[in-house]
Amino acid sequence: MRQMPDSPAEPQRERFLDLRGLDPPAPLMRVFEALDAAPDLPLRARFPREPFPLYAMLQAGGWTRRTVAREDGSFEILISRKA
């Protein structure tokens, strides 16, 4: 029988924004609104193209990011607080 830990850690939830189909600057604004609303939760965002201006903004604000190009030409970015 598996024993449960005394104080189980709650899994860290992840939020998702699909920003495809939005005109600039709405995608960037939505990302920062989501980060401001819950800065401790990772955010996964899908963009129609690679958002190069976002990278410097995230770095300046103390965020890390990981970008993955998708087969449909979109880009998915995982954003979280720097450790």
PDB file of N, CA and C in Angstrom:
ATOM      1  N   MET A   1       0.838  -1.173   0.000  1.00  0.00           N
ATOM      2  CA  MET A   1       0.000   0.000   0.000  1.00  0.00           C
ATOM      3  C   MET A   1       0.892   1.248   0.000  1.00  0.00           C
ATOM      4  N   ARG A   2       0.530   2.206  -0.849  1.00  0.00           N
ATOM      5  CA  ARG A   2       1.287   3.459  -0.902  1.00  0.00           C
ATOM      6  C   ARG A   2       0.869   4.380   0.218  1.00  0.00           C
ATOM      7  N   GLN A   3       1.849   4.977   0.855  1.00  0.00           N
ATOM      8  CA  GLN A   3       1.553   5.907   1.942  1.00  0.00           C
ATOM      9  C   GLN A   3       1.559   7.329   1.391  1.00  0.00           C
ATOM     10  N   MET A   4       0.557   8.093   1.755  1.00  0.00           N
ATOM     11  CA  MET A   4       0.447   9.479   1.299  1.00  0.00           C
ATOM     12  C   MET A   4       1.313  10.366   2.186  1.00  0.00           C
ATOM     13  N   PRO A   5       1.956  11.376   1.628  1.00  0.00           N
ATOM     14  CA  PRO A   5       2.752  12.287   2.452  1.00  0.00           C
ATOM     15  C   PRO A   5       1.848  13.072   3.397  1.00  0.00           C
ATOM     16  N   ASP A   6       2.432  13.521   4.521  1.00  0.00           N
ATOM     17  CA  ASP A   6       1.671  14.272   5.524  1.00  0.00           C
ATOM     18  C   ASP A   6       1.085  15.557   4.963  1.00  0.00           C
ATOM     19  N   SER A   7       1.874  16.277   4.209  1.00  0.00           N
ATOM     20  CA  SER A   7       1.374  17.537   3.623  1.00  0.00           C
ATOM     21  C   SER A   7       1.678  17.517   2.129  1.00  0.00           C
ATOM     22  N   PRO A   8       0.766  16.955   1.354  1.00  0.00           N
ATOM     23  CA  PRO A   8       1.036  16.842  -0.087  1.00  0.00           C
ATOM     24  C   PRO A   8       1.161  18.219  -0.726  1.00  0.00           C
ATOM     25  N   ALA A   9       2.144  18.334  -1.562  1.00  0.00           N
ATOM     26  CA  ALA A   9       2.340  19.597  -2.272  1.00  0.00           C
ATOM     27  C   ALA A   9       1.286  19.693  -3.374  1.00  0.00           C
ATOM     28  N   GLU A  10       0.620  20.818  -3.442  1.00  0.00           N
ATOM     29  CA  GLU A  10      -0.371  21.016  -4.498  1.00  0.00           C
ATOM     30  C   GLU A  10       0.371  21.192  -5.807  1.00  0.00           C
ATOM     31  N   PRO A  11      -0.018  20.447  -6.834  1.00  0.00           N
ATOM     32  CA  PRO A  11       0.684  20.614  -8.110  1.00  0.00           C
ATOM     33  C   PRO A  11       0.511  22.033  -8.624  1.00  0.00           C
ATOM     34  N   GLN A  12       1.577  22.535  -9.180  1.00  0.00           N
ATOM     35  CA  GLN A  12       1.529  23.902  -9.685  1.00  0.00           C
ATOM     36  C   GLN A  12       0.694  23.933 -10.954  1.00  0.00           C
ATOM     37  N   ARG A  13      -0.379  24.703 -10.912  1.00  0.00           N
ATOM     38  CA  ARG A  13      -1.249  24.801 -12.074  1.00  0.00           C
ATOM     39  C   ARG A  13      -0.572  25.666 -13.129  1.00  0.00           C
ATOM     40  N   GLU A  14      -1.007  25.466 -14.325  1.00  0.00           N
ATOM     41  CA  GLU A  14      -0.479  26.228 -15.451  1.00  0.00           C
ATOM     42  C   GLU A  14      -1.665  26.836 -16.187  1.00  0.00           C
ATOM     43  N   ARG A  15      -1.526  28.078 -16.570  1.00  0.00           N
ATOM     44  CA  ARG A  15      -2.587  28.746 -17.324  1.00  0.00           C
ATOM     45  C   ARG A  15      -2.227  28.728 -18.799  1.00  0.00           C
ATOM     46  N   PHE A  16      -3.238  28.880 -19.652  1.00  0.00           N
ATOM     47  CA  PHE A  16      -3.007  28.854 -21.095  1.00  0.00           C
ATOM     48  C   PHE A  16      -3.773  29.990 -21.764  1.00  0.00           C
ATOM     49  N   LEU A  17      -3.087  30.711 -22.648  1.00  0.00           N
ATOM     50  CA  LEU A  17      -3.715  31.751 -23.464  1.00  0.00           C
ATOM     51  C   LEU A  17      -3.480  31.421 -24.929  1.00  0.00           C
ATOM     52  N   ASP A  18      -4.542  31.381 -25.709  1.00  0.00           N
ATOM     53  CA  ASP A  18      -4.410  31.228 -27.153  1.00  0.00           C
ATOM     54  C   ASP A  18      -4.568  32.627 -27.747  1.00  0.00           C
ATOM     55  N   LEU A  19      -3.469  33.190 -28.193  1.00  0.00           N
ATOM     56  CA  LEU A  19      -3.440  34.580 -28.644  1.00  0.00           C
ATOM     57  C   LEU A  19      -3.466  34.706 -30.165  1.00  0.00           C
ATOM     58  N   ARG A  20      -3.641  33.597 -30.833  1.00  0.00           N
ATOM     59  CA  ARG A  20      -3.732  33.630 -32.287  1.00  0.00           C
ATOM     60  C   ARG A  20      -5.030  34.329 -32.683  1.00  0.00           C
ATOM     61  N   GLY A  21      -4.967  35.119 -33.723  1.00  0.00           N
ATOM     62  CA  GLY A  21      -6.155  35.817 -34.202  1.00  0.00           C
ATOM     63  C   GLY A  21      -6.354  37.191 -33.589  1.00  0.00           C
ATOM     64  N   LEU A  22      -5.491  37.584 -32.662  1.00  0.00           N
ATOM     65  CA  LEU A  22      -5.588  38.913 -32.056  1.00  0.00           C
ATOM     66  C   LEU A  22      -4.628  39.870 -32.746  1.00  0.00           C
ATOM     67  N   ASP A  23      -5.046  41.113 -32.896  1.00  0.00           N
ATOM     68  CA  ASP A  23      -4.181  42.138 -33.481  1.00  0.00           C
ATOM     69  C   ASP A  23      -3.271  42.733 -32.416  1.00  0.00           C
ATOM     70  N   PRO A  24      -2.029  43.083 -32.798  1.00  0.00           N
ATOM     71  CA  PRO A  24      -1.129  43.752 -31.861  1.00  0.00           C
ATOM     72  C   PRO A  24      -1.731  45.083 -31.423  1.00  0.00           C
ATOM     73  N   PRO A  25      -1.504  45.496 -30.226  1.00  0.00           N
ATOM     74  CA  PRO A  25      -0.674  44.909 -29.169  1.00  0.00           C
ATOM     75  C   PRO A  25      -1.437  44.003 -28.213  1.00  0.00           C
ATOM     76  N   ALA A  26      -2.642  43.580 -28.558  1.00  0.00           N
ATOM     77  CA  ALA A  26      -3.476  42.775 -27.654  1.00  0.00           C
ATOM     78  C   ALA A  26      -2.771  41.529 -27.106  1.00  0.00           C
ATOM     79  N   PRO A  27      -2.028  40.753 -27.911  1.00  0.00           N
ATOM     80  CA  PRO A  27      -1.373  39.574 -27.327  1.00  0.00           C
ATOM     81  C   PRO A  27      -0.407  39.917 -26.194  1.00  0.00           C
ATOM     82  N   LEU A  28       0.416  40.928 -26.389  1.00  0.00           N
ATOM     83  CA  LEU A  28       1.365  41.307 -25.335  1.00  0.00           C
ATOM     84  C   LEU A  28       0.628  41.825 -24.105  1.00  0.00           C
ATOM     85  N   MET A  29      -0.403  42.601 -24.314  1.00  0.00           N
ATOM     86  CA  MET A  29      -1.171  43.129 -23.189  1.00  0.00           C
ATOM     87  C   MET A  29      -1.809  42.002 -22.388  1.00  0.00           C
ATOM     88  N   ARG A  30      -2.341  41.017 -23.074  1.00  0.00           N
ATOM     89  CA  ARG A  30      -2.986  39.885 -22.369  1.00  0.00           C
ATOM     90  C   ARG A  30      -1.972  39.062 -21.586  1.00  0.00           C
ATOM     91  N   VAL A  31      -0.787  38.895 -22.147  1.00  0.00           N
ATOM     92  CA  VAL A  31       0.254  38.161 -21.419  1.00  0.00           C
ATOM     93  C   VAL A  31       0.571  38.869 -20.111  1.00  0.00           C
ATOM     94  N   PHE A  32       0.806  40.168 -20.154  1.00  0.00           N
ATOM     95  CA  PHE A  32       1.183  40.881 -18.935  1.00  0.00           C
ATOM     96  C   PHE A  32       0.020  41.018 -17.960  1.00  0.00           C
ATOM     97  N   GLU A  33      -1.200  41.084 -18.442  1.00  0.00           N
ATOM     98  CA  GLU A  33      -2.360  41.069 -17.543  1.00  0.00           C
ATOM     99  C   GLU A  33      -2.415  39.738 -16.793  1.00  0.00           C
ATOM    100  N   ALA A  34      -2.189  38.646 -17.501  1.00  0.00           N
ATOM    101  CA  ALA A  34      -2.212  37.318 -16.870  1.00  0.00           C
ATOM    102  C   ALA A  34      -1.062  37.166 -15.880  1.00  0.00           C
ATOM    103  N   LEU A  35       0.115  37.661 -16.231  1.00  0.00           N
ATOM    104  CA  LEU A  35       1.258  37.570 -15.320  1.00  0.00           C
ATOM    105  C   LEU A  35       1.025  38.419 -14.074  1.00  0.00           C
ATOM    106  N   ASP A  36       0.445  39.590 -14.232  1.00  0.00           N
ATOM    107  CA  ASP A  36       0.141  40.447 -13.081  1.00  0.00           C
ATOM    108  C   ASP A  36      -0.911  39.816 -12.174  1.00  0.00           C
ATOM    109  N   ALA A  37      -1.892  39.144 -12.765  1.00  0.00           N
ATOM    110  CA  ALA A  37      -2.998  38.563 -11.997  1.00  0.00           C
ATOM    111  C   ALA A  37      -2.546  37.379 -11.134  1.00  0.00           C
ATOM    112  N   ALA A  38      -1.602  36.601 -11.613  1.00  0.00           N
ATOM    113  CA  ALA A  38      -1.131  35.420 -10.873  1.00  0.00           C
ATOM    114  C   ALA A  38       0.341  35.182 -11.187  1.00  0.00           C
ATOM    115  N   PRO A  39       1.214  36.006 -10.617  1.00  0.00           N
ATOM    116  CA  PRO A  39       2.636  35.936 -10.978  1.00  0.00           C
ATOM    117  C   PRO A  39       3.340  34.639 -10.599  1.00  0.00           C
ATOM    118  N   ASP A  40       2.797  33.879  -9.670  1.00  0.00           N
ATOM    119  CA  ASP A  40       3.471  32.652  -9.247  1.00  0.00           C
ATOM    120  C   ASP A  40       3.066  31.425 -10.051  1.00  0.00           C
ATOM    121  N   LEU A  41       2.085  31.569 -10.939  1.00  0.00           N
ATOM    122  CA  LEU A  41       1.659  30.443 -11.761  1.00  0.00           C
ATOM    123  C   LEU A  41       2.263  30.544 -13.152  1.00  0.00           C
ATOM    124  N   PRO A  42       2.811  29.447 -13.666  1.00  0.00           N
ATOM    125  CA  PRO A  42       3.348  29.473 -15.028  1.00  0.00           C
ATOM    126  C   PRO A  42       2.246  29.796 -16.036  1.00  0.00           C
ATOM    127  N   LEU A  43       2.649  30.428 -17.106  1.00  0.00           N
ATOM    128  CA  LEU A  43       1.721  30.804 -18.166  1.00  0.00           C
ATOM    129  C   LEU A  43       2.228  30.240 -19.485  1.00  0.00           C
ATOM    130  N   ARG A  44       1.364  29.505 -20.176  1.00  0.00           N
ATOM    131  CA  ARG A  44       1.682  29.002 -21.510  1.00  0.00           C
ATOM    132  C   ARG A  44       0.847  29.820 -22.484  1.00  0.00           C
ATOM    133  N   ALA A  45       1.502  30.437 -23.456  1.00  0.00           N
ATOM    134  CA  ALA A  45       0.806  31.300 -24.419  1.00  0.00           C
ATOM    135  C   ALA A  45       1.134  30.860 -25.835  1.00  0.00           C
ATOM    136  N   ARG A  46       0.120  30.868 -26.695  1.00  0.00           N
ATOM    137  CA  ARG A  46       0.296  30.479 -28.098  1.00  0.00           C
ATOM    138  C   ARG A  46       0.144  31.715 -28.971  1.00  0.00           C
ATOM    139  N   PHE A  47       1.151  31.994 -29.781  1.00  0.00           N
ATOM    140  CA  PHE A  47       1.199  33.159 -30.658  1.00  0.00           C
ATOM    141  C   PHE A  47       1.178  32.719 -32.120  1.00  0.00           C
ATOM    142  N   PRO A  48       0.624  33.546 -33.013  1.00  0.00           N
ATOM    143  CA  PRO A  48       0.614  33.188 -34.430  1.00  0.00           C
ATOM    144  C   PRO A  48       2.000  33.287 -35.070  1.00  0.00           C
ATOM    145  N   ARG A  49       2.870  34.086 -34.477  1.00  0.00           N
ATOM    146  CA  ARG A  49       4.253  34.229 -34.956  1.00  0.00           C
ATOM    147  C   ARG A  49       5.141  34.477 -33.746  1.00  0.00           C
ATOM    148  N   GLU A  50       6.424  34.353 -33.926  1.00  0.00           N
ATOM    149  CA  GLU A  50       7.332  34.512 -32.785  1.00  0.00           C
ATOM    150  C   GLU A  50       7.335  35.962 -32.310  1.00  0.00           C
ATOM    151  N   PRO A  51       7.019  36.187 -31.042  1.00  0.00           N
ATOM    152  CA  PRO A  51       6.902  37.554 -30.508  1.00  0.00           C
ATOM    153  C   PRO A  51       8.237  38.086 -29.972  1.00  0.00           C
ATOM    154  N   PHE A  52       9.142  38.415 -30.869  1.00  0.00           N
ATOM    155  CA  PHE A  52      10.474  38.860 -30.460  1.00  0.00           C
ATOM    156  C   PHE A  52      10.458  40.012 -29.454  1.00  0.00           C
ATOM    157  N   PRO A  53       9.590  41.027 -29.590  1.00  0.00           N
ATOM    158  CA  PRO A  53       9.599  42.113 -28.605  1.00  0.00           C
ATOM    159  C   PRO A  53       9.270  41.636 -27.183  1.00  0.00           C
ATOM    160  N   LEU A  54       8.510  40.571 -27.065  1.00  0.00           N
ATOM    161  CA  LEU A  54       8.126  40.060 -25.752  1.00  0.00           C
ATOM    162  C   LEU A  54       9.333  39.566 -24.965  1.00  0.00           C
ATOM    163  N   TYR A  55      10.321  39.005 -25.631  1.00  0.00           N
ATOM    164  CA  TYR A  55      11.450  38.394 -24.936  1.00  0.00           C
ATOM    165  C   TYR A  55      12.211  39.390 -24.055  1.00  0.00           C
ATOM    166  N   ALA A  56      12.519  40.544 -24.580  1.00  0.00           N
ATOM    167  CA  ALA A  56      13.239  41.553 -23.789  1.00  0.00           C
ATOM    168  C   ALA A  56      12.370  42.063 -22.641  1.00  0.00           C
ATOM    169  N   MET A  57      11.076  42.197 -22.890  1.00  0.00           N
ATOM    170  CA  MET A  57      10.159  42.656 -21.835  1.00  0.00           C
ATOM    171  C   MET A  57      10.108  41.643 -20.694  1.00  0.00           C
ATOM    172  N   LEU A  58      10.055  40.366 -21.029  1.00  0.00           N
ATOM    173  CA  LEU A  58      10.029  39.333 -19.999  1.00  0.00           C
ATOM    174  C   LEU A  58      11.320  39.318 -19.194  1.00  0.00           C
ATOM    175  N   GLN A  59      12.437  39.402 -19.882  1.00  0.00           N
ATOM    176  CA  GLN A  59      13.725  39.392 -19.187  1.00  0.00           C
ATOM    177  C   GLN A  59      13.840  40.580 -18.243  1.00  0.00           C
ATOM    178  N   ALA A  60      13.438  41.765 -18.697  1.00  0.00           N
ATOM    179  CA  ALA A  60      13.507  42.958 -17.861  1.00  0.00           C
ATOM    180  C   ALA A  60      12.595  42.844 -16.644  1.00  0.00           C
ATOM    181  N   GLY A  61      11.498  42.103 -16.768  1.00  0.00           N
ATOM    182  CA  GLY A  61      10.559  41.959 -15.670  1.00  0.00           C
ATOM    183  C   GLY A  61      10.849  40.803 -14.726  1.00  0.00           C
ATOM    184  N   GLY A  62      11.935  40.075 -14.970  1.00  0.00           N
ATOM    185  CA  GLY A  62      12.296  38.979 -14.079  1.00  0.00           C
ATOM    186  C   GLY A  62      11.622  37.659 -14.401  1.00  0.00           C
ATOM    187  N   TRP A  63      11.303  37.435 -15.659  1.00  0.00           N
ATOM    188  CA  TRP A  63      10.631  36.214 -16.095  1.00  0.00           C
ATOM    189  C   TRP A  63      11.580  35.363 -16.933  1.00  0.00           C
ATOM    190  N   THR A  64      11.349  34.071 -16.934  1.00  0.00           N
ATOM    191  CA  THR A  64      12.053  33.173 -17.836  1.00  0.00           C
ATOM    192  C   THR A  64      11.045  32.680 -18.866  1.00  0.00           C
ATOM    193  N   ARG A  65      11.550  32.231 -19.987  1.00  0.00           N
ATOM    194  CA  ARG A  65      10.645  31.725 -21.022  1.00  0.00           C
ATOM    195  C   ARG A  65      11.313  30.605 -21.787  1.00  0.00           C
ATOM    196  N   ARG A  66      10.460  29.727 -22.291  1.00  0.00           N
ATOM    197  CA  ARG A  66      10.905  28.644 -23.168  1.00  0.00           C
ATOM    198  C   ARG A  66       9.963  28.647 -24.361  1.00  0.00           C
ATOM    199  N   THR A  67      10.527  28.748 -25.553  1.00  0.00           N
ATOM    200  CA  THR A  67       9.734  28.858 -26.775  1.00  0.00           C
ATOM    201  C   THR A  67       9.842  27.576 -27.596  1.00  0.00           C
ATOM    202  N   VAL A  68       8.691  27.142 -28.113  1.00  0.00           N
ATOM    203  CA  VAL A  68       8.639  25.964 -28.977  1.00  0.00           C
ATOM    204  C   VAL A  68       7.877  26.343 -30.235  1.00  0.00           C
ATOM    205  N   ALA A  69       8.486  26.083 -31.395  1.00  0.00           N
ATOM    206  CA  ALA A  69       7.805  26.297 -32.673  1.00  0.00           C
ATOM    207  C   ALA A  69       6.902  25.094 -32.927  1.00  0.00           C
ATOM    208  N   ARG A  70       5.669  25.353 -33.311  1.00  0.00           N
ATOM    209  CA  ARG A  70       4.695  24.295 -33.582  1.00  0.00           C
ATOM    210  C   ARG A  70       4.601  24.033 -35.080  1.00  0.00           C
ATOM    211  N   GLU A  71       4.105  22.872 -35.454  1.00  0.00           N
ATOM    212  CA  GLU A  71       4.028  22.481 -36.860  1.00  0.00           C
ATOM    213  C   GLU A  71       3.146  23.399 -37.694  1.00  0.00           C
ATOM    214  N   ASP A  72       2.163  24.030 -37.067  1.00  0.00           N
ATOM    215  CA  ASP A  72       1.253  24.914 -37.800  1.00  0.00           C
ATOM    216  C   ASP A  72       1.822  26.317 -38.013  1.00  0.00           C
ATOM    217  N   GLY A  73       3.076  26.541 -37.588  1.00  0.00           N
ATOM    218  CA  GLY A  73       3.717  27.841 -37.752  1.00  0.00           C
ATOM    219  C   GLY A  73       3.557  28.759 -36.550  1.00  0.00           C
ATOM    220  N   SER A  74       2.779  28.339 -35.566  1.00  0.00           N
ATOM    221  CA  SER A  74       2.606  29.153 -34.363  1.00  0.00           C
ATOM    222  C   SER A  74       3.750  28.873 -33.388  1.00  0.00           C
ATOM    223  N   PHE A  75       3.801  29.669 -32.336  1.00  0.00           N
ATOM    224  CA  PHE A  75       4.839  29.520 -31.316  1.00  0.00           C
ATOM    225  C   PHE A  75       4.179  29.440 -29.952  1.00  0.00           C
ATOM    226  N   GLU A  76       4.630  28.486 -29.152  1.00  0.00           N
ATOM    227  CA  GLU A  76       4.116  28.332 -27.803  1.00  0.00           C
ATOM    228  C   GLU A  76       5.233  28.697 -26.838  1.00  0.00           C
ATOM    229  N   ILE A  77       4.898  29.541 -25.869  1.00  0.00           N
ATOM    230  CA  ILE A  77       5.910  30.041 -24.946  1.00  0.00           C
ATOM    231  C   ILE A  77       5.454  29.748 -23.521  1.00  0.00           C
ATOM    232  N   LEU A  78       6.311  29.122 -22.755  1.00  0.00           N
ATOM    233  CA  LEU A  78       6.061  28.878 -21.335  1.00  0.00           C
ATOM    234  C   LEU A  78       6.805  29.953 -20.557  1.00  0.00           C
ATOM    235  N   ILE A  79       6.078  30.701 -19.760  1.00  0.00           N
ATOM    236  CA  ILE A  79       6.631  31.829 -19.014  1.00  0.00           C
ATOM    237  C   ILE A  79       6.488  31.545 -17.523  1.00  0.00           C
ATOM    238  N   SER A  80       7.571  31.762 -16.779  1.00  0.00           N
ATOM    239  CA  SER A  80       7.515  31.598 -15.321  1.00  0.00           C
ATOM    240  C   SER A  80       8.494  32.570 -14.670  1.00  0.00           C
ATOM    241  N   ARG A  81       8.333  32.735 -13.361  1.00  0.00           N
ATOM    242  CA  ARG A  81       9.208  33.616 -12.599  1.00  0.00           C
ATOM    243  C   ARG A  81      10.607  33.026 -12.558  1.00  0.00           C
ATOM    244  N   LYS A  82      11.620  33.909 -12.571  1.00  0.00           N
ATOM    245  CA  LYS A  82      12.987  33.437 -12.384  1.00  0.00           C
ATOM    246  C   LYS A  82      13.133  32.913 -10.974  1.00  0.00           C
ATOM    247  N   ALA A  83      13.870  31.835 -10.838  1.00  0.00           N
ATOM    248  CA  ALA A  83      14.066  31.214  -9.500  1.00  0.00           C
ATOM    249  C   ALA A  83      14.955  32.044  -8.639  1.00  0.00           C
TER     250      ALA A  83
END
